[in-house]
Amino acid sequence: MARKQRASNEVESPTCLKCGAGMRPILIEEEYPGYERRTFGCQSCDGTMTEWAPVPTQTPASYRA
């Protein structure tokens, strides 16, 4: 079963392919272990876009420079 999350402002937003405006994250779902499905929406033309991305991993403090 997919785990649903609210969209985060930390996700880089794409440009709408229909009108060229910036899109904003609507929903982020962790569908498979290690991968999430990101859904974006365009405020200008109401278009949507979905992309798959690896889940960001946090680097332990001991590895940070």
C-alpha atoms as a PDB file:
ATOM      1  CA  MET A   1       0.000   0.000   0.000  1.00  0.00           C
ATOM      2  CA  ALA A   2       1.305   3.444  -0.884  1.00  0.00           C
ATOM      3  CA  ARG A   3       2.259   5.795   1.911  1.00  0.00           C
ATOM      4  CA  LYS A   4       0.923   9.268   1.148  1.00  0.00           C
ATOM      5  CA  GLN A   5       2.668  12.441   2.208  1.00  0.00           C
ATOM      6  CA  ARG A   6       1.939  16.114   1.824  1.00  0.00           C
ATOM      7  CA  ALA A   7       4.037  17.817  -0.807  1.00  0.00           C
ATOM      8  CA  SER A   8       7.210  19.454   0.441  1.00  0.00           C
ATOM      9  CA  ASN A   9       8.775  22.782  -0.509  1.00  0.00           C
ATOM     10  CA  GLU A  10      12.139  20.983  -0.658  1.00  0.00           C
ATOM     11  CA  VAL A  11      11.243  19.339  -3.996  1.00  0.00           C
ATOM     12  CA  GLU A  12      12.551  21.059  -7.128  1.00  0.00           C
ATOM     13  CA  SER A  13       9.558  22.023  -9.282  1.00  0.00           C
ATOM     14  CA  PRO A  14       9.512  21.504 -13.061  1.00  0.00           C
ATOM     15  CA  THR A  15       8.228  23.871 -15.749  1.00  0.00           C
ATOM     16  CA  CYS A  16       4.806  23.174 -17.270  1.00  0.00           C
ATOM     17  CA  LEU A  17       5.083  21.637 -20.734  1.00  0.00           C
ATOM     18  CA  LYS A  18       1.784  23.237 -21.851  1.00  0.00           C
ATOM     19  CA  CYS A  19       2.286  26.887 -20.894  1.00  0.00           C
ATOM     20  CA  GLY A  20       5.853  27.212 -19.552  1.00  0.00           C
ATOM     21  CA  ALA A  21       4.849  28.398 -16.066  1.00  0.00           C
ATOM     22  CA  GLY A  22       6.426  27.040 -12.902  1.00  0.00           C
ATOM     23  CA  MET A  23       4.612  24.099 -11.320  1.00  0.00           C
ATOM     24  CA  ARG A  24       4.167  23.359  -7.641  1.00  0.00           C
ATOM     25  CA  PRO A  25       4.180  20.021  -5.811  1.00  0.00           C
ATOM     26  CA  ILE A  26       0.698  18.673  -5.089  1.00  0.00           C
ATOM     27  CA  LEU A  27       1.387  15.212  -3.679  1.00  0.00           C
ATOM     28  CA  ILE A  28       4.386  13.011  -2.924  1.00  0.00           C
ATOM     29  CA  GLU A  29       3.794   9.276  -2.436  1.00  0.00           C
ATOM     30  CA  GLU A  30       6.334   6.623  -1.499  1.00  0.00           C
ATOM     31  CA  GLU A  31       5.057   3.907  -3.825  1.00  0.00           C
ATOM     32  CA  TYR A  32       7.999   1.463  -3.684  1.00  0.00           C
ATOM     33  CA  PRO A  33      10.869   1.254  -1.183  1.00  0.00           C
ATOM     34  CA  GLY A  34      13.436   3.882  -2.121  1.00  0.00           C
ATOM     35  CA  TYR A  35      11.267   5.634  -4.756  1.00  0.00           C
ATOM     36  CA  GLU A  36       8.559   8.247  -4.619  1.00  0.00           C
ATOM     37  CA  ARG A  37       5.978   9.429  -7.122  1.00  0.00           C
ATOM     38  CA  ARG A  38       5.779  13.234  -7.297  1.00  0.00           C
ATOM     39  CA  THR A  39       2.707  14.944  -8.729  1.00  0.00           C
ATOM     40  CA  PHE A  40       2.947  18.617  -9.726  1.00  0.00           C
ATOM     41  CA  GLY A  41       0.212  21.054 -10.730  1.00  0.00           C
ATOM     42  CA  CYS A  42       0.278  24.217 -12.831  1.00  0.00           C
ATOM     43  CA  GLN A  43      -1.591  27.216 -11.423  1.00  0.00           C
ATOM     44  CA  SER A  44      -1.786  28.890 -14.839  1.00  0.00           C
ATOM     45  CA  CYS A  45      -3.370  26.185 -17.016  1.00  0.00           C
ATOM     46  CA  ASP A  46      -4.326  23.480 -14.464  1.00  0.00           C
ATOM     47  CA  GLY A  47      -1.999  20.969 -16.141  1.00  0.00           C
ATOM     48  CA  THR A  48      -0.416  18.167 -14.116  1.00  0.00           C
ATOM     49  CA  MET A  49       2.847  16.239 -14.332  1.00  0.00           C
ATOM     50  CA  THR A  50       4.043  13.112 -12.537  1.00  0.00           C
ATOM     51  CA  GLU A  51       7.656  12.019 -12.071  1.00  0.00           C
ATOM     52  CA  TRP A  52       9.435   9.202 -10.256  1.00  0.00           C
ATOM     53  CA  ALA A  53      12.476   9.990  -8.129  1.00  0.00           C
ATOM     54  CA  PRO A  54      14.655   8.230  -5.590  1.00  0.00           C
ATOM     55  CA  VAL A  55      13.788   9.029  -1.981  1.00  0.00           C
ATOM     56  CA  PRO A  56      16.332  11.517  -0.655  1.00  0.00           C
ATOM     57  CA  THR A  57      18.551   9.979   1.987  1.00  0.00           C
ATOM     58  CA  GLN A  58      19.872  11.938   4.904  1.00  0.00           C
ATOM     59  CA  THR A  59      23.613  11.870   5.402  1.00  0.00           C
ATOM     60  CA  PRO A  60      24.642  11.097   8.972  1.00  0.00           C
ATOM     61  CA  ALA A  61      26.208  14.094  10.756  1.00  0.00           C
ATOM     62  CA  SER A  62      29.511  12.213  11.056  1.00  0.00           C
ATOM     63  CA  TYR A  63      29.883  12.194   7.216  1.00  0.00           C
ATOM     64  CA  ARG A  64      29.162  15.909   6.664  1.00  0.00           C
ATOM     65  CA  ALA A  65      32.074  18.232   6.037  1.00  0.00           C
END
